[in-house]
Amino acid sequence: MSRVCVICEKGQATGNKVSHSHRKTRRTWGANVHMVTFKNPDNTVERGYVCTRCMRSGKINRI
């Protein structure tokens, strides 16, 4: 299973790694997600990956 936020669907980003001599190679950045247990709006308990931005903004009810 991929590490994607279940709230905002933020996932892996891609881009270039640029060296001092300005050579470019492809690289990836992983989203800052953590496995948490939270309560859905319909009062069911779910466990999944949630990004730290969603946790900090209060988009989930953490248990």
C-alpha atoms as a PDB file:
ATOM      1  CA  MET A   1       0.000   0.000   0.000  1.00  0.00           C
ATOM      2  CA  SER A   2       1.312   3.428  -0.894  1.00  0.00           C
ATOM      3  CA  ARG A   3       1.855   6.161   1.660  1.00  0.00           C
ATOM      4  CA  VAL A   4      -0.901   8.562   0.675  1.00  0.00           C
ATOM      5  CA  CYS A   5      -2.959  10.727   3.035  1.00  0.00           C
ATOM      6  CA  VAL A   6      -6.523   9.391   3.295  1.00  0.00           C
ATOM      7  CA  ILE A   7      -7.894  12.906   3.905  1.00  0.00           C
ATOM      8  CA  CYS A   8      -6.273  15.143   1.273  1.00  0.00           C
ATOM      9  CA  GLU A   9      -4.689  12.401  -0.920  1.00  0.00           C
ATOM     10  CA  LYS A  10      -1.232  13.978  -0.704  1.00  0.00           C
ATOM     11  CA  GLY A  11       1.374  11.489  -1.897  1.00  0.00           C
ATOM     12  CA  GLN A  12       4.797  11.179  -3.402  1.00  0.00           C
ATOM     13  CA  ALA A  13       6.247  14.095  -5.394  1.00  0.00           C
ATOM     14  CA  THR A  14       8.952  13.900  -8.054  1.00  0.00           C
ATOM     15  CA  GLY A  15      11.530  16.327  -9.314  1.00  0.00           C
ATOM     16  CA  ASN A  16      15.202  16.833 -10.021  1.00  0.00           C
ATOM     17  CA  LYS A  17      18.163  16.548  -7.685  1.00  0.00           C
ATOM     18  CA  VAL A  18      20.572  19.269  -8.767  1.00  0.00           C
ATOM     19  CA  SER A  19      24.258  18.865  -7.948  1.00  0.00           C
ATOM     20  CA  HIS A  20      26.814  21.619  -7.444  1.00  0.00           C
ATOM     21  CA  SER A  21      27.839  21.268 -11.104  1.00  0.00           C
ATOM     22  CA  HIS A  22      24.134  21.622 -12.018  1.00  0.00           C
ATOM     23  CA  ARG A  23      23.698  18.058 -13.298  1.00  0.00           C
ATOM     24  CA  LYS A  24      20.138  16.846 -12.859  1.00  0.00           C
ATOM     25  CA  THR A  25      18.972  13.389 -11.818  1.00  0.00           C
ATOM     26  CA  ARG A  26      15.426  12.327 -10.962  1.00  0.00           C
ATOM     27  CA  ARG A  27      14.434  11.885  -7.322  1.00  0.00           C
ATOM     28  CA  THR A  28      11.306  11.533  -5.205  1.00  0.00           C
ATOM     29  CA  TRP A  29      10.033  13.180  -2.036  1.00  0.00           C
ATOM     30  CA  GLY A  30       7.756  11.229   0.255  1.00  0.00           C
ATOM     31  CA  ALA A  31       4.806  12.910   1.956  1.00  0.00           C
ATOM     32  CA  ASN A  32       5.091  13.389   5.724  1.00  0.00           C
ATOM     33  CA  VAL A  33       2.382  10.885   6.689  1.00  0.00           C
ATOM     34  CA  HIS A  34       1.866   8.917   9.889  1.00  0.00           C
ATOM     35  CA  MET A  35      -0.296   5.901  10.675  1.00  0.00           C
ATOM     36  CA  VAL A  36      -2.996   7.145  13.063  1.00  0.00           C
ATOM     37  CA  THR A  37      -6.306   5.928  14.449  1.00  0.00           C
ATOM     38  CA  PHE A  38      -9.129   8.414  13.925  1.00  0.00           C
ATOM     39  CA  LYS A  39     -12.899   8.647  14.025  1.00  0.00           C
ATOM     40  CA  ASN A  40     -14.845   9.278  10.804  1.00  0.00           C
ATOM     41  CA  PRO A  41     -17.818  11.688  10.678  1.00  0.00           C
ATOM     42  CA  ASP A  42     -20.145   8.642  10.786  1.00  0.00           C
ATOM     43  CA  ASN A  43     -18.510   7.596  14.133  1.00  0.00           C
ATOM     44  CA  THR A  44     -16.605   4.614  12.763  1.00  0.00           C
ATOM     45  CA  VAL A  45     -13.025   4.123  13.894  1.00  0.00           C
ATOM     46  CA  GLU A  46     -10.512   3.873  11.072  1.00  0.00           C
ATOM     47  CA  ARG A  47      -6.763   3.443  10.884  1.00  0.00           C
ATOM     48  CA  GLY A  48      -4.774   4.942   8.046  1.00  0.00           C
ATOM     49  CA  TYR A  49      -2.046   7.269   6.875  1.00  0.00           C
ATOM     50  CA  VAL A  50      -2.710  10.955   7.553  1.00  0.00           C
ATOM     51  CA  CYS A  51      -0.350  13.808   6.663  1.00  0.00           C
ATOM     52  CA  THR A  52       0.862  16.107   9.401  1.00  0.00           C
ATOM     53  CA  ARG A  53      -0.820  19.113   7.749  1.00  0.00           C
ATOM     54  CA  CYS A  54      -4.258  17.470   8.136  1.00  0.00           C
ATOM     55  CA  MET A  55      -3.492  16.480  11.731  1.00  0.00           C
ATOM     56  CA  ARG A  56      -2.396  20.006  12.631  1.00  0.00           C
ATOM     57  CA  SER A  57      -5.353  21.715  10.943  1.00  0.00           C
ATOM     58  CA  GLY A  58      -7.827  19.480  12.783  1.00  0.00           C
ATOM     59  CA  LYS A  59      -9.396  17.745   9.785  1.00  0.00           C
ATOM     60  CA  ILE A  60      -9.547  14.464  11.740  1.00  0.00           C
ATOM     61  CA  ASN A  61     -10.795  13.480  15.188  1.00  0.00           C
ATOM     62  CA  ARG A  62      -7.797  11.634  16.549  1.00  0.00           C
ATOM     63  CA  ILE A  63      -8.323   8.936  19.172  1.00  0.00           C
END
